[in-house]
Amino acid sequence: MKVYGVIGWKNAGKTSLMERLVAEITGRGFTVSTVKHVHHDVDLDHPGKDSFRHRQAGATEVVLASAHRFALMREHRGPEPELPQVLARLAPVDLVLVEGYKRDAHPKVEVWRAETGHPLIQPADSLVRAVATDTNPGPLPVPVLDLNDTAAVADFILREVGLAPV
């Protein structure tokens, strides 16, 4: 599986770009999965529900299964899993897009908007291969992509991971 990250500061537009990229890339016939790093507890469950009770009783994994999808919840009861551990749990696809995990060692595109008030991450991270923005960030040693041109950002990522002609 090819892995490519979308990083940036809060409210820069990472999730909107991810959503558009998934639609664009799957529309081209590739299979895509996503991983999103969050800084709060994730819980699809509610106290009193059967699956919640299974977890509370000590189950390591609980699967909620229906006719159209299933959700696997895993209690790791330890430190937060590293990205490679998370990726190892995924079914094979052509491309995994990772939102967040900005300090991990995979190639990334940075989403940057001046109005967030944060500096660019790219100058300090050589794995940021391009910056997608809706403004002029000034001279950079990497390509600057139009944040609103989803097809161009998708082209760049697919070329980077070897899924499109160079």
Protein backbone atom coordinates (compact mmCIF):
# COMPACT_ATOMS: atom_id res chain seq x y z
CA MET A 1 0.00 0.00 0.00
CA LYS A 2 1.11 3.51 -0.78
CA VAL A 3 0.80 6.03 2.06
CA TYR A 4 0.57 9.81 1.72
CA GLY A 5 -0.15 12.40 4.37
CA VAL A 6 -2.18 15.58 4.49
CA ILE A 7 -0.98 17.79 7.32
CA GLY A 8 -1.45 21.31 8.56
CA TRP A 9 -2.56 23.34 11.52
CA LYS A 10 -6.11 23.35 12.89
CA ASN A 11 -8.70 24.95 10.57
CA ALA A 12 -6.34 25.01 7.58
CA GLY A 13 -8.71 22.84 5.51
CA LYS A 14 -7.16 19.37 5.86
CA THR A 15 -10.45 17.48 6.21
CA SER A 16 -12.08 19.32 3.31
CA LEU A 17 -9.10 18.51 1.10
CA MET A 18 -9.10 14.88 2.27
CA GLU A 19 -12.78 14.53 1.39
CA ARG A 20 -12.26 15.99 -2.07
CA LEU A 21 -9.12 13.88 -2.66
CA VAL A 22 -10.89 10.64 -1.74
CA ALA A 23 -13.71 11.45 -4.19
CA GLU A 24 -11.26 12.50 -6.93
CA ILE A 25 -8.91 9.52 -6.59
CA THR A 26 -11.61 6.87 -6.20
CA GLY A 27 -13.33 8.47 -9.19
CA ARG A 28 -10.20 7.60 -11.16
CA GLY A 29 -10.61 3.92 -10.26
CA PHE A 30 -8.15 3.63 -7.36
CA THR A 31 -9.05 2.18 -3.98
CA VAL A 32 -8.44 4.52 -1.06
CA SER A 33 -8.58 4.19 2.71
CA THR A 34 -8.04 6.98 5.20
CA VAL A 35 -6.53 7.33 8.65
CA LYS A 36 -7.27 10.40 10.74
CA HIS A 37 -5.26 11.18 13.85
CA VAL A 38 -7.32 12.75 16.61
CA HIS A 39 -6.25 14.21 19.93
CA HIS A 40 -9.23 12.99 21.93
CA ASP A 41 -10.73 9.62 22.81
CA VAL A 42 -12.62 7.93 19.99
CA ASP A 43 -15.76 6.10 21.02
CA LEU A 44 -18.49 4.85 18.73
CA ASP A 45 -20.20 3.27 21.68
CA HIS A 46 -22.55 4.42 24.43
CA PRO A 47 -22.96 3.23 28.02
CA GLY A 48 -25.64 0.59 28.30
CA LYS A 49 -25.32 -0.70 24.72
CA ASP A 50 -24.39 -4.36 24.32
CA SER A 51 -21.09 -3.63 22.57
CA PHE A 52 -20.13 -1.12 25.29
CA ARG A 53 -20.85 -3.81 27.87
CA HIS A 54 -18.61 -6.26 25.95
CA ARG A 55 -15.71 -3.77 26.09
CA GLN A 56 -16.31 -2.97 29.74
CA ALA A 57 -16.19 -6.69 30.48
CA GLY A 58 -12.68 -6.84 28.99
CA ALA A 59 -13.07 -7.70 25.29
CA THR A 60 -10.00 -6.65 23.31
CA GLU A 61 -11.94 -6.20 20.07
CA VAL A 62 -15.63 -5.68 19.45
CA VAL A 63 -17.16 -5.63 15.97
CA LEU A 64 -20.45 -3.92 15.22
CA ALA A 65 -21.75 -5.54 12.03
CA SER A 66 -24.72 -4.65 9.85
CA ALA A 67 -25.84 -5.25 6.28
CA HIS A 68 -23.84 -2.29 4.91
CA ARG A 69 -20.73 -1.91 7.08
CA PHE A 70 -18.92 -3.01 10.16
CA ALA A 71 -16.95 -1.11 12.76
CA LEU A 72 -14.07 -2.69 14.63
CA MET A 73 -13.22 -1.18 17.98
CA ARG A 74 -9.96 -2.26 19.56
CA GLU A 75 -9.00 -1.52 23.13
CA HIS A 76 -5.25 -1.14 23.23
CA ARG A 77 -5.11 -0.29 26.94
CA GLY A 78 -1.67 1.15 26.61
CA PRO A 79 0.14 3.94 24.80
CA GLU A 80 -1.33 5.39 21.63
CA PRO A 81 -0.54 3.13 18.68
CA GLU A 82 2.06 4.30 16.21
CA LEU A 83 0.98 4.92 12.60
CA PRO A 84 2.64 1.71 11.27
CA GLN A 85 0.57 -0.32 13.77
CA VAL A 86 -2.59 1.37 12.57
CA LEU A 87 -1.70 0.87 8.90
CA ALA A 88 -1.02 -2.83 9.50
CA ARG A 89 -4.69 -3.27 10.49
CA LEU A 90 -6.03 -2.00 7.17
CA ALA A 91 -7.14 -4.15 4.26
CA PRO A 92 -4.97 -3.67 1.15
CA VAL A 93 -5.83 -0.68 -1.06
CA ASP A 94 -4.01 1.33 -3.67
CA LEU A 95 -3.53 4.39 -1.44
CA VAL A 96 -3.95 5.29 2.21
CA LEU A 97 -4.39 9.01 2.83
CA VAL A 98 -3.36 9.99 6.35
CA GLU A 99 -4.73 13.15 7.95
CA GLY A 100 -2.53 14.28 10.78
CA TYR A 101 0.46 12.32 12.11
CA LYS A 102 2.45 15.36 10.97
CA ARG A 103 5.63 14.25 12.72
CA ASP A 104 5.67 10.74 11.26
CA ALA A 105 8.05 9.60 8.51
CA HIS A 106 5.88 9.47 5.40
CA PRO A 107 5.59 11.89 2.48
CA LYS A 108 3.08 14.68 3.00
CA VAL A 109 1.40 17.66 1.46
CA GLU A 110 0.90 20.59 3.82
CA VAL A 111 -2.37 22.50 3.76
CA TRP A 112 -1.59 26.09 4.70
CA ARG A 113 -3.73 29.18 5.04
CA ALA A 114 -2.22 32.46 6.24
CA GLU A 115 -5.36 33.35 8.21
CA THR A 116 -4.78 30.51 10.68
CA GLY A 117 -1.86 32.55 12.02
CA HIS A 118 0.49 29.57 12.07
CA PRO A 119 3.83 29.35 10.28
CA LEU A 120 4.50 26.83 7.56
CA ILE A 121 5.53 23.37 8.75
CA GLN A 122 7.41 22.62 5.51
CA PRO A 123 10.69 24.42 6.19
CA ALA A 124 11.34 22.17 9.19
CA ASP A 125 10.07 18.91 7.63
CA SER A 126 11.81 17.55 4.55
CA LEU A 127 9.01 14.99 4.10
CA VAL A 128 6.57 17.77 3.19
CA ARG A 129 6.78 17.43 -0.59
CA ALA A 130 4.39 20.27 -1.49
CA VAL A 131 2.27 23.01 0.04
CA ALA A 132 -1.39 23.33 -0.96
CA THR A 133 -2.62 26.85 -0.29
CA ASP A 134 -5.06 29.50 -1.43
CA THR A 135 -2.51 32.29 -1.12
CA ASN A 136 1.10 33.01 -2.03
CA PRO A 137 3.36 31.64 0.73
CA GLY A 138 6.47 33.13 -0.82
CA PRO A 139 9.40 31.17 -2.23
CA LEU A 140 9.60 27.55 -1.11
CA PRO A 141 11.90 24.66 -2.04
CA VAL A 142 8.83 22.49 -2.84
CA PRO A 143 5.95 22.90 -5.30
CA VAL A 144 3.09 25.20 -4.29
CA LEU A 145 -0.28 23.76 -5.30
CA ASP A 146 -3.63 25.49 -5.59
CA LEU A 147 -5.62 24.22 -2.60
CA ASN A 148 -8.84 24.62 -4.59
CA ASP A 149 -7.60 22.56 -7.56
CA THR A 150 -8.29 19.09 -6.20
CA ALA A 151 -7.40 17.37 -9.47
CA ALA A 152 -3.94 18.98 -9.48
CA VAL A 153 -3.31 17.99 -5.84
CA ALA A 154 -4.46 14.43 -6.66
CA ASP A 155 -2.19 14.35 -9.74
CA PHE A 156 0.76 15.41 -7.58
CA ILE A 157 0.10 12.74 -4.91
CA LEU A 158 -0.51 9.96 -7.44
CA ARG A 159 2.75 10.82 -9.25
CA GLU A 160 4.61 10.90 -5.92
CA VAL A 161 3.46 7.39 -4.95
CA GLY A 162 3.95 5.92 -8.43
CA LEU A 163 0.28 5.47 -9.29
CA ALA A 164 0.29 7.95 -12.21
CA PRO A 165 2.70 8.70 -15.02
CA VAL A 166 5.49 11.11 -14.18
